[in-house]
């Protein structure tokens, strides 16, 4: 009973990770400017990686590898938003204007 619930939870986490990763990829392709693209990449991609790594941690159980997975998850949670902020700040300092309603996509 517990094993079946664990396998189900692993499947849900893996599916959610895949979903959020695809949403992030679609957002990077679809959104109009660098600021919106950086936002979606940092938000959805971090969430997708979080769910996928949670599925990995549940699959392998507790041990040294699970600790490494949790550390990797922490690293991703810190670096993805930081990188998106750096990209958006560099674009702003280069003079790239944010997209506004009514303009064509860039």
PDB file of N, CA and C in Angstrom:
ATOM      1  N   UNK A   1       0.823  -1.193   0.000  1.00  0.00           N
ATOM      2  CA  UNK A   1       0.000   0.000   0.000  1.00  0.00           C
ATOM      3  C   UNK A   1       0.867   1.257   0.000  1.00  0.00           C
ATOM      4  N   UNK A   2       1.878   1.297   0.888  1.00  0.00           N
ATOM      5  CA  UNK A   2       2.767   2.455   0.962  1.00  0.00           C
ATOM      6  C   UNK A   2       3.582   2.562  -0.323  1.00  0.00           C
ATOM      7  N   UNK A   3       4.039   1.427  -0.852  1.00  0.00           N
ATOM      8  CA  UNK A   3       4.846   1.445  -2.072  1.00  0.00           C
ATOM      9  C   UNK A   3       4.036   1.971  -3.251  1.00  0.00           C
ATOM     10  N   UNK A   4       2.771   1.598  -3.329  1.00  0.00           N
ATOM     11  CA  UNK A   4       1.923   2.079  -4.423  1.00  0.00           C
ATOM     12  C   UNK A   4       1.699   3.585  -4.311  1.00  0.00           C
ATOM     13  N   UNK A   5       1.505   4.075  -3.105  1.00  0.00           N
ATOM     14  CA  UNK A   5       1.332   5.518  -2.907  1.00  0.00           C
ATOM     15  C   UNK A   5       2.619   6.260  -3.256  1.00  0.00           C
ATOM     16  N   UNK A   6       3.748   5.679  -2.897  1.00  0.00           N
ATOM     17  CA  UNK A   6       5.036   6.306  -3.207  1.00  0.00           C
ATOM     18  C   UNK A   6       5.257   6.375  -4.717  1.00  0.00           C
ATOM     19  N   UNK A   7       4.954   5.293  -5.406  1.00  0.00           N
ATOM     20  CA  UNK A   7       5.104   5.276  -6.859  1.00  0.00           C
ATOM     21  C   UNK A   7       4.155   6.285  -7.507  1.00  0.00           C
ATOM     22  N   UNK A   8       2.942   6.381  -6.985  1.00  0.00           N
ATOM     23  CA  UNK A   8       1.995   7.368  -7.504  1.00  0.00           C
ATOM     24  C   UNK A   8       2.482   8.789  -7.294  1.00  0.00           C
ATOM     25  N   UNK A   9       3.041   9.061  -6.114  1.00  0.00           N
ATOM     26  CA  UNK A   9       3.565  10.393  -5.819  1.00  0.00           C
ATOM     27  C   UNK A   9       4.766  10.723  -6.709  1.00  0.00           C
ATOM     28  N   UNK A  10       5.615   9.732  -6.952  1.00  0.00           N
ATOM     29  CA  UNK A  10       6.752   9.929  -7.858  1.00  0.00           C
ATOM     30  C   UNK A  10       6.248  10.274  -9.259  1.00  0.00           C
ATOM     31  N   UNK A  11       5.224   9.564  -9.714  1.00  0.00           N
ATOM     32  CA  UNK A  11       4.651   9.847 -11.031  1.00  0.00           C
ATOM     33  C   UNK A  11       4.049  11.237 -11.126  1.00  0.00           C
ATOM     34  N   UNK A  12       3.356  11.661 -10.066  1.00  0.00           N
ATOM     35  CA  UNK A  12       2.762  13.002 -10.049  1.00  0.00           C
ATOM     36  C   UNK A  12       3.855  14.064 -10.077  1.00  0.00           C
ATOM     37  N   UNK A  13       4.891  13.894  -9.258  1.00  0.00           N
ATOM     38  CA  UNK A  13       5.986  14.872  -9.233  1.00  0.00           C
ATOM     39  C   UNK A  13       6.708  14.933 -10.577  1.00  0.00           C
ATOM     40  N   UNK A  14       6.946  13.770 -11.182  1.00  0.00           N
ATOM     41  CA  UNK A  14       7.624  13.751 -12.482  1.00  0.00           C
ATOM     42  C   UNK A  14       6.762  14.416 -13.553  1.00  0.00           C
ATOM     43  N   UNK A  15       5.458  14.152 -13.538  1.00  0.00           N
ATOM     44  CA  UNK A  15       4.559  14.774 -14.516  1.00  0.00           C
ATOM     45  C   UNK A  15       4.492  16.286 -14.317  1.00  0.00           C
ATOM     46  N   UNK A  16       4.433  16.734 -13.065  1.00  0.00           N
ATOM     47  CA  UNK A  16       4.419  18.174 -12.799  1.00  0.00           C
ATOM     48  C   UNK A  16       5.732  18.829 -13.237  1.00  0.00           C
ATOM     49  N   UNK A  17       6.840  18.160 -12.984  1.00  0.00           N
ATOM     50  CA  UNK A  17       8.128  18.685 -13.432  1.00  0.00           C
ATOM     51  C   UNK A  17       8.190  18.816 -14.940  1.00  0.00           C
ATOM     52  N   UNK A  18       7.703  17.819 -15.643  1.00  0.00           N
ATOM     53  CA  UNK A  18       7.672  17.860 -17.102  1.00  0.00           C
ATOM     54  C   UNK A  18       6.748  18.969 -17.593  1.00  0.00           C
ATOM     55  N   UNK A  19       5.582  19.099 -16.972  1.00  0.00           N
ATOM     56  CA  UNK A  19       4.625  20.135 -17.366  1.00  0.00           C
ATOM     57  C   UNK A  19       5.223  21.530 -17.214  1.00  0.00           C
ATOM     58  N   UNK A  20       5.795  21.823 -16.048  1.00  0.00           N
ATOM     59  CA  UNK A  20       6.334  23.159 -15.823  1.00  0.00           C
ATOM     60  C   UNK A  20       7.552  23.447 -16.705  1.00  0.00           C
ATOM     61  N   UNK A  21       8.326  22.432 -17.023  1.00  0.00           N
ATOM     62  CA  UNK A  21       9.456  22.631 -17.923  1.00  0.00           C
ATOM     63  C   UNK A  21       8.969  22.959 -19.335  1.00  0.00           C
ATOM     64  N   UNK A  22       7.932  22.266 -19.790  1.00  0.00           N
ATOM     65  CA  UNK A  22       7.376  22.578 -21.107  1.00  0.00           C
ATOM     66  C   UNK A  22       6.710  23.948 -21.134  1.00  0.00           C
ATOM     67  N   UNK A  23       6.038  24.329 -20.060  1.00  0.00           N
ATOM     68  CA  UNK A  23       5.439  25.663 -19.986  1.00  0.00           C
ATOM     69  C   UNK A  23       6.530  26.726 -20.061  1.00  0.00           C
ATOM     70  N   UNK A  24       7.634  26.485 -19.384  1.00  0.00           N
ATOM     71  CA  UNK A  24       8.751  27.427 -19.425  1.00  0.00           C
ATOM     72  C   UNK A  24       9.320  27.543 -20.834  1.00  0.00           C
ATOM     73  N   UNK A  25       9.499  26.421 -21.502  1.00  0.00           N
ATOM     74  CA  UNK A  25      10.032  26.448 -22.869  1.00  0.00           C
ATOM     75  C   UNK A  25       9.076  27.162 -23.816  1.00  0.00           C
ATOM     76  N   UNK A  26       7.792  26.904 -23.678  1.00  0.00           N
ATOM     77  CA  UNK A  26       6.807  27.583 -24.523  1.00  0.00           C
ATOM     78  C   UNK A  26       6.782  29.080 -24.236  1.00  0.00           C
ATOM     79  N   UNK A  27       6.933  29.455 -22.979  1.00  0.00           N
ATOM     80  CA  UNK A  27       6.951  30.868 -22.624  1.00  0.00           C
ATOM     81  C   UNK A  27       8.154  31.595 -23.183  1.00  0.00           C
ATOM     82  N   UNK A  28       9.296  30.942 -23.178  1.00  0.00           N
ATOM     83  CA  UNK A  28      10.503  31.566 -23.726  1.00  0.00           C
ATOM     84  C   UNK A  28      10.340  31.789 -25.232  1.00  0.00           C
ATOM     85  N   UNK A  29       9.687  30.877 -25.907  1.00  0.00           N
ATOM     86  CA  UNK A  29       9.468  31.029 -27.344  1.00  0.00           C
ATOM     87  C   UNK A  29       8.360  32.045 -27.629  1.00  0.00           C
ATOM     88  N   UNK A  30       7.320  32.037 -26.831  1.00  0.00           N
ATOM     89  CA  UNK A  30       6.098  32.787 -27.147  1.00  0.00           C
ATOM     90  C   UNK A  30       6.087  34.229 -26.645  1.00  0.00           C
ATOM     91  N   UNK A  31       6.711  34.518 -25.529  1.00  0.00           N
ATOM     92  CA  UNK A  31       6.580  35.843 -24.920  1.00  0.00           C
ATOM     93  C   UNK A  31       7.328  36.914 -25.709  1.00  0.00           C
ATOM     94  N   UNK A  32       6.904  38.183 -25.583  1.00  0.00           N
ATOM     95  CA  UNK A  32       7.345  39.214 -26.523  1.00  0.00           C
ATOM     96  C   UNK A  32       8.723  39.822 -26.296  1.00  0.00           C
ATOM     97  N   UNK A  33       9.228  39.871 -25.077  1.00  0.00           N
ATOM     98  CA  UNK A  33      10.509  40.555 -24.874  1.00  0.00           C
ATOM     99  C   UNK A  33      11.370  39.810 -23.865  1.00  0.00           C
ATOM    100  N   UNK A  34      12.589  40.304 -23.702  1.00  0.00           N
ATOM    101  CA  UNK A  34      13.576  39.629 -22.861  1.00  0.00           C
ATOM    102  C   UNK A  34      13.152  39.611 -21.394  1.00  0.00           C
ATOM    103  N   UNK A  35      12.434  40.615 -20.950  1.00  0.00           N
ATOM    104  CA  UNK A  35      12.034  40.681 -19.547  1.00  0.00           C
ATOM    105  C   UNK A  35      10.998  39.605 -19.219  1.00  0.00           C
ATOM    106  N   UNK A  36      10.003  39.459 -20.075  1.00  0.00           N
ATOM    107  CA  UNK A  36       8.993  38.424 -19.865  1.00  0.00           C
ATOM    108  C   UNK A  36       9.596  37.033 -20.017  1.00  0.00           C
ATOM    109  N   UNK A  37      10.519  36.885 -20.956  1.00  0.00           N
ATOM    110  CA  UNK A  37      11.158  35.584 -21.154  1.00  0.00           C
ATOM    111  C   UNK A  37      12.019  35.196 -19.956  1.00  0.00           C
ATOM    112  N   UNK A  38      12.744  36.158 -19.414  1.00  0.00           N
ATOM    113  CA  UNK A  38      13.561  35.867 -18.230  1.00  0.00           C
ATOM    114  C   UNK A  38      12.676  35.508 -17.044  1.00  0.00           C
ATOM    115  N   UNK A  39      11.537  36.172 -16.938  1.00  0.00           N
ATOM    116  CA  UNK A  39      10.616  35.889 -15.833  1.00  0.00           C
ATOM    117  C   UNK A  39      10.079  34.466 -15.920  1.00  0.00           C
ATOM    118  N   UNK A  40       9.594  34.078 -17.094  1.00  0.00           N
ATOM    119  CA  UNK A  40       9.039  32.741 -17.220  1.00  0.00           C
ATOM    120  C   UNK A  40      10.111  31.670 -17.091  1.00  0.00           C
ATOM    121  N   UNK A  41      11.308  31.959 -17.577  1.00  0.00           N
ATOM    122  CA  UNK A  41      12.377  30.970 -17.470  1.00  0.00           C
ATOM    123  C   UNK A  41      12.761  30.733 -16.019  1.00  0.00           C
ATOM    124  N   UNK A  42      12.800  31.791 -15.231  1.00  0.00           N
ATOM    125  CA  UNK A  42      13.198  31.609 -13.836  1.00  0.00           C
ATOM    126  C   UNK A  42      12.081  30.988 -13.010  1.00  0.00           C
ATOM    127  N   UNK A  43      10.841  31.364 -13.263  1.00  0.00           N
ATOM    128  CA  UNK A  43       9.735  30.867 -12.451  1.00  0.00           C
ATOM    129  C   UNK A  43       9.396  29.412 -12.773  1.00  0.00           C
ATOM    130  N   UNK A  44       8.983  29.168 -14.003  1.00  0.00           N
ATOM    131  CA  UNK A  44       8.491  27.845 -14.360  1.00  0.00           C
ATOM    132  C   UNK A  44       9.605  26.809 -14.428  1.00  0.00           C
ATOM    133  N   UNK A  45      10.771  27.200 -14.882  1.00  0.00           N
ATOM    134  CA  UNK A  45      11.871  26.249 -14.983  1.00  0.00           C
ATOM    135  C   UNK A  45      12.359  25.817 -13.603  1.00  0.00           C
ATOM    136  N   UNK A  46      12.398  26.741 -12.669  1.00  0.00           N
ATOM    137  CA  UNK A  46      12.786  26.394 -11.306  1.00  0.00           C
ATOM    138  C   UNK A  46      11.773  25.444 -10.688  1.00  0.00           C
ATOM    139  N   UNK A  47      10.498  25.713 -10.910  1.00  0.00           N
ATOM    140  CA  UNK A  47       9.456  24.841 -10.375  1.00  0.00           C
ATOM    141  C   UNK A  47       9.507  23.464 -11.034  1.00  0.00           C
ATOM    142  N   UNK A  48       9.736  23.428 -12.343  1.00  0.00           N
ATOM    143  CA  UNK A  48       9.835  22.150 -13.040  1.00  0.00           C
ATOM    144  C   UNK A  48      11.010  21.320 -12.556  1.00  0.00           C
ATOM    145  N   UNK A  49      12.150  21.956 -12.384  1.00  0.00           N
ATOM    146  CA  UNK A  49      13.318  21.235 -11.867  1.00  0.00           C
ATOM    147  C   UNK A  49      13.087  20.785 -10.432  1.00  0.00           C
ATOM    148  N   UNK A  50      12.392  21.600  -9.662  1.00  0.00           N
ATOM    149  CA  UNK A  50      12.093  21.226  -8.276  1.00  0.00           C
ATOM    150  C   UNK A  50      11.249  19.970  -8.190  1.00  0.00           C
ATOM    151  N   UNK A  51      10.190  19.910  -8.991  1.00  0.00           N
ATOM    152  CA  UNK A  51       9.348  18.715  -8.982  1.00  0.00           C
ATOM    153  C   UNK A  51      10.094  17.499  -9.520  1.00  0.00           C
ATOM    154  N   UNK A  52      10.882  17.673 -10.570  1.00  0.00           N
ATOM    155  CA  UNK A  52      11.623  16.548 -11.135  1.00  0.00           C
ATOM    156  C   UNK A  52      12.651  16.008 -10.139  1.00  0.00           C
ATOM    157  N   UNK A  53      13.355  16.901  -9.462  1.00  0.00           N
ATOM    158  CA  UNK A  53      14.341  16.443  -8.475  1.00  0.00           C
ATOM    159  C   UNK A  53      13.672  15.854  -7.236  1.00  0.00           C
ATOM    160  N   UNK A  54      12.487  16.337  -6.898  1.00  0.00           N
ATOM    161  CA  UNK A  54      11.740  15.711  -5.799  1.00  0.00           C
ATOM    162  C   UNK A  54      11.353  14.284  -6.175  1.00  0.00           C
ATOM    163  N   UNK A  55      10.977  14.068  -7.435  1.00  0.00           N
ATOM    164  CA  UNK A  55      10.671  12.712  -7.898  1.00  0.00           C
ATOM    165  C   UNK A  55      11.910  11.825  -7.839  1.00  0.00           C
ATOM    166  N   UNK A  56      13.054  12.375  -8.207  1.00  0.00           N
ATOM    167  CA  UNK A  56      14.307  11.610  -8.132  1.00  0.00           C
ATOM    168  C   UNK A  56      14.628  11.257  -6.688  1.00  0.00           C
ATOM    169  N   UNK A  57      14.490  12.230  -5.783  1.00  0.00           N
ATOM    170  CA  UNK A  57      14.794  11.976  -4.370  1.00  0.00           C
ATOM    171  C   UNK A  57      13.868  10.908  -3.797  1.00  0.00           C
ATOM    172  N   UNK A  58      12.594  10.930  -4.173  1.00  0.00           N
ATOM    173  CA  UNK A  58      11.672   9.900  -3.689  1.00  0.00           C
ATOM    174  C   UNK A  58      11.982   8.539  -4.300  1.00  0.00           C
ATOM    175  N   UNK A  59      12.461   8.532  -5.527  1.00  0.00           N
ATOM    176  CA  UNK A  59      12.764   7.268  -6.196  1.00  0.00           C
ATOM    177  C   UNK A  59      13.961   6.570  -5.562  1.00  0.00           C
ATOM    178  N   UNK A  60      15.013   7.318  -5.267  1.00  0.00           N
ATOM    179  CA  UNK A  60      16.232   6.685  -4.765  1.00  0.00           C
ATOM    180  C   UNK A  60      16.220   6.482  -3.264  1.00  0.00           C
ATOM    181  N   UNK A  61      15.291   7.109  -2.564  1.00  0.00           N
ATOM    182  CA  UNK A  61      15.233   6.949  -1.114  1.00  0.00           C
ATOM    183  C   UNK A  61      16.268   7.822  -0.421  1.00  0.00           C
ATOM    184  N   UNK A  62      16.311   7.711   0.897  1.00  0.00           N
ATOM    185  CA  UNK A  62      17.224   8.549   1.676  1.00  0.00           C
ATOM    186  C   UNK A  62      18.598   7.918   1.715  1.00  0.00           C
ATOM    187  N   UNK A  63      19.589   8.730   1.486  1.00  0.00           N
ATOM    188  CA  UNK A  63      20.972   8.286   1.473  1.00  0.00           C
ATOM    189  C   UNK A  63      21.849   9.403   0.949  1.00  0.00           C
ATOM    190  N   UNK A  64      23.097   9.096   0.662  1.00  0.00           N
ATOM    191  CA  UNK A  64      24.009  10.136   0.178  1.00  0.00           C
ATOM    192  C   UNK A  64      23.562  10.770  -1.142  1.00  0.00           C
ATOM    193  N   UNK A  65      22.981   9.973  -2.021  1.00  0.00           N
ATOM    194  CA  UNK A  65      22.534  10.516  -3.297  1.00  0.00           C
ATOM    195  C   UNK A  65      21.349  11.456  -3.116  1.00  0.00           C
ATOM    196  N   UNK A  66      20.465  11.154  -2.193  1.00  0.00           N
ATOM    197  CA  UNK A  66      19.325  12.038  -1.926  1.00  0.00           C
ATOM    198  C   UNK A  66      19.796  13.368  -1.350  1.00  0.00           C
ATOM    199  N   UNK A  67      20.828  13.326  -0.524  1.00  0.00           N
ATOM    200  CA  UNK A  67      21.380  14.571   0.023  1.00  0.00           C
ATOM    201  C   UNK A  67      21.952  15.423  -1.110  1.00  0.00           C
ATOM    202  N   UNK A  68      22.640  14.788  -2.049  1.00  0.00           N
ATOM    203  CA  UNK A  68      23.167  15.522  -3.203  1.00  0.00           C
ATOM    204  C   UNK A  68      22.036  16.104  -4.048  1.00  0.00           C
ATOM    205  N   UNK A  69      20.951  15.362  -4.175  1.00  0.00           N
ATOM    206  CA  UNK A  69      19.802  15.853  -4.929  1.00  0.00           C
ATOM    207  C   UNK A  69      19.186  17.071  -4.259  1.00  0.00           C
ATOM    208  N   UNK A  70      19.069  17.048  -2.950  1.00  0.00           N
ATOM    209  CA  UNK A  70      18.524  18.194  -2.215  1.00  0.00           C
ATOM    210  C   UNK A  70      19.461  19.396  -2.336  1.00  0.00           C
ATOM    211  N   UNK A  71      20.761  19.174  -2.274  1.00  0.00           N
ATOM    212  CA  UNK A  71      21.717  20.270  -2.456  1.00  0.00           C
ATOM    213  C   UNK A  71      21.640  20.846  -3.871  1.00  0.00           C
ATOM    214  N   UNK A  72      21.470  19.986  -4.860  1.00  0.00           N
ATOM    215  CA  UNK A  72      21.299  20.448  -6.231  1.00  0.00           C
ATOM    216  C   UNK A  72      20.023  21.269  -6.370  1.00  0.00           C
ATOM    217  N   UNK A  73      18.968  20.834  -5.719  1.00  0.00           N
ATOM    218  CA  UNK A  73      17.710  21.576  -5.735  1.00  0.00           C
ATOM    219  C   UNK A  73      17.879  22.959  -5.114  1.00  0.00           C
ATOM    220  N   UNK A  74      18.588  23.035  -4.002  1.00  0.00           N
ATOM    221  CA  UNK A  74      18.859  24.328  -3.372  1.00  0.00           C
ATOM    222  C   UNK A  74      19.674  25.220  -4.308  1.00  0.00           C
ATOM    223  N   UNK A  75      20.676  24.645  -4.956  1.00  0.00           N
ATOM    224  CA  UNK A  75      21.507  25.402  -5.896  1.00  0.00           C
ATOM    225  C   UNK A  75      20.673  25.965  -7.047  1.00  0.00           C
ATOM    226  N   UNK A  76      19.770  25.161  -7.583  1.00  0.00           N
ATOM    227  CA  UNK A  76      18.907  25.615  -8.676  1.00  0.00           C
ATOM    228  C   UNK A  76      17.962  26.706  -8.197  1.00  0.00           C
ATOM    229  N   UNK A  77      17.403  26.557  -6.993  1.00  0.00           N
ATOM    230  CA  UNK A  77      16.492  27.572  -6.455  1.00  0.00           C
ATOM    231  C   UNK A  77      17.194  28.904  -6.238  1.00  0.00           C
ATOM    232  N   UNK A  78      18.489  28.888  -5.992  1.00  0.00           N
ATOM    233  CA  UNK A  78      19.228  30.138  -5.784  1.00  0.00           C
ATOM    234  C   UNK A  78      19.706  30.723  -7.116  1.00  0.00           C
ATOM    235  N   UNK A  79      20.228  29.889  -7.998  1.00  0.00           N
ATOM    236  CA  UNK A  79      20.867  30.421  -9.204  1.00  0.00           C
ATOM    237  C   UNK A  79      19.905  30.801 -10.321  1.00  0.00           C
ATOM    238  N   UNK A  80      18.802  30.094 -10.498  1.00  0.00           N
ATOM    239  CA  UNK A  80      17.883  30.437 -11.591  1.00  0.00           C
ATOM    240  C   UNK A  80      17.313  31.846 -11.463  1.00  0.00           C
ATOM    241  N   UNK A  81      16.739  32.237 -10.327  1.00  0.00           N
ATOM    242  CA  UNK A  81      16.246  33.619 -10.226  1.00  0.00           C
ATOM    243  C   UNK A  81      17.367  34.653 -10.292  1.00  0.00           C
ATOM    244  N   UNK A  82      18.532  34.315  -9.760  1.00  0.00           N
ATOM    245  CA  UNK A  82      19.659  35.249  -9.815  1.00  0.00           C
ATOM    246  C   UNK A  82      20.106  35.475 -11.257  1.00  0.00           C
ATOM    247  N   UNK A  83      20.180  34.415 -12.033  1.00  0.00           N
ATOM    248  CA  UNK A  83      20.566  34.544 -13.440  1.00  0.00           C
ATOM    249  C   UNK A  83      19.522  35.331 -14.230  1.00  0.00           C
ATOM    250  N   UNK A  84      18.247  35.084 -13.972  1.00  0.00           N
ATOM    251  CA  UNK A  84      17.197  35.832 -14.670  1.00  0.00           C
ATOM    252  C   UNK A  84      17.259  37.313 -14.317  1.00  0.00           C
ATOM    253  N   UNK A  85      17.538  37.615 -13.062  1.00  0.00           N
ATOM    254  CA  UNK A  85      17.668  39.011 -12.650  1.00  0.00           C
ATOM    255  C   UNK A  85      18.857  39.663 -13.349  1.00  0.00           C
ATOM    256  N   UNK A  86      19.966  38.950 -13.446  1.00  0.00           N
ATOM    257  CA  UNK A  86      21.151  39.497 -14.112  1.00  0.00           C
ATOM    258  C   UNK A  86      20.885  39.740 -15.598  1.00  0.00           C
ATOM    259  N   UNK A  87      20.170  38.835 -16.243  1.00  0.00           N
ATOM    260  CA  UNK A  87      19.839  39.010 -17.658  1.00  0.00           C
ATOM    261  C   UNK A  87      18.928  40.218 -17.850  1.00  0.00           C
ATOM    262  N   UNK A  88      17.901  40.336 -17.013  1.00  0.00           N
ATOM    263  CA  UNK A  88      16.976  41.466 -17.132  1.00  0.00           C
ATOM    264  C   UNK A  88      17.674  42.789 -16.833  1.00  0.00           C
ATOM    265  N   UNK A  89      18.542  42.786 -15.860  1.00  0.00           N
ATOM    266  CA  UNK A  89      19.264  44.023 -15.525  1.00  0.00           C
ATOM    267  C   UNK A  89      20.208  44.431 -16.658  1.00  0.00           C
ATOM    268  N   UNK A  90      20.895  43.460 -17.247  1.00  0.00           N
ATOM    269  CA  UNK A  90      21.785  43.765 -18.370  1.00  0.00           C
ATOM    270  C   UNK A  90      20.994  44.297 -19.561  1.00  0.00           C
ATOM    271  N   UNK A  91      19.829  43.726 -19.815  1.00  0.00           N
ATOM    272  CA  UNK A  91      18.993  44.218 -20.912  1.00  0.00           C
ATOM    273  C   UNK A  91      18.516  45.635 -20.633  1.00  0.00           C
ATOM    274  N   UNK A  92      18.145  45.909 -19.402  1.00  0.00           N
ATOM    275  CA  UNK A  92      17.689  47.253 -19.035  1.00  0.00           C
ATOM    276  C   UNK A  92      18.817  48.271 -19.169  1.00  0.00           C
ATOM    277  N   UNK A  93      20.009  47.895 -18.725  1.00  0.00           N
ATOM    278  CA  UNK A  93      21.146  48.811 -18.811  1.00  0.00           C
ATOM    279  C   UNK A  93      21.606  49.034 -20.253  1.00  0.00           C
ATOM    280  N   UNK A  94      21.310  48.102 -21.142  1.00  0.00           N
ATOM    281  CA  UNK A  94      21.622  48.280 -22.562  1.00  0.00           C
ATOM    282  C   UNK A  94      20.591  49.161 -23.261  1.00  0.00           C
ATOM    283  N   UNK A  95      19.535  49.519 -22.550  1.00  0.00           N
ATOM    284  CA  UNK A  95      18.529  50.405 -23.117  1.00  0.00           C
ATOM    285  C   UNK A  95      17.377  49.705 -23.802  1.00  0.00           C
ATOM    286  N   UNK A  96      17.241  48.412 -23.590  1.00  0.00           N
ATOM    287  CA  UNK A  96      16.120  47.686 -24.177  1.00  0.00           C
ATOM    288  C   UNK A  96      14.859  48.051 -23.398  1.00  0.00           C
ATOM    289  N   UNK A  97      13.872  48.541 -24.116  1.00  0.00           N
ATOM    290  CA  UNK A  97      12.624  48.960 -23.484  1.00  0.00           C
ATOM    291  C   UNK A  97      11.706  47.755 -23.292  1.00  0.00           C
ATOM    292  N   UNK A  98      11.002  47.693 -22.173  1.00  0.00           N
ATOM    293  CA  UNK A  98      10.025  46.614 -21.995  1.00  0.00           C
ATOM    294  C   UNK A  98       8.881  46.737 -23.001  1.00  0.00           C
ATOM    295  N   UNK A  99       8.344  45.614 -23.402  1.00  0.00           N
ATOM    296  CA  UNK A  99       7.226  45.574 -24.328  1.00  0.00           C
ATOM    297  C   UNK A  99       5.996  46.148 -23.648  1.00  0.00           C
ATOM    298  N   UNK A 100       5.213  46.932 -24.386  1.00  0.00           N
ATOM    299  CA  UNK A 100       3.953  47.456 -23.862  1.00  0.00           C
ATOM    300  C   UNK A 100       2.813  47.011 -24.760  1.00  0.00           C
ATOM    301  N   UNK A 101       1.613  47.036 -24.214  1.00  0.00           N
ATOM    302  CA  UNK A 101       0.421  46.607 -24.939  1.00  0.00           C
ATOM    303  C   UNK A 101       0.261  47.438 -26.212  1.00  0.00           C
ATOM    304  N   UNK A 102      -0.032  46.795 -27.312  1.00  0.00           N
ATOM    305  CA  UNK A 102      -0.242  47.496 -28.570  1.00  0.00           C
ATOM    306  C   UNK A 102       0.967  47.482 -29.492  1.00  0.00           C
ATOM    307  N   UNK A 103       2.141  47.191 -28.979  1.00  0.00           N
ATOM    308  CA  UNK A 103       3.339  47.105 -29.816  1.00  0.00           C
ATOM    309  C   UNK A 103       3.421  45.730 -30.463  1.00  0.00           C
ATOM    310  N   UNK A 104       4.203  45.667 -31.548  1.00  0.00           N
ATOM    311  CA  UNK A 104       4.462  44.363 -32.143  1.00  0.00           C
ATOM    312  C   UNK A 104       5.437  43.595 -31.266  1.00  0.00           C
ATOM    313  N   UNK A 105       5.362  42.274 -31.379  1.00  0.00           N
ATOM    314  CA  UNK A 105       6.311  41.444 -30.629  1.00  0.00           C
ATOM    315  C   UNK A 105       7.701  41.646 -31.190  1.00  0.00           C
ATOM    316  N   UNK A 106       8.707  41.547 -30.297  1.00  0.00           N
ATOM    317  CA  UNK A 106      10.093  41.686 -30.752  1.00  0.00           C
ATOM    318  C   UNK A 106      10.791  40.364 -30.681  1.00  0.00           C
TER     319      UNK A 106
END
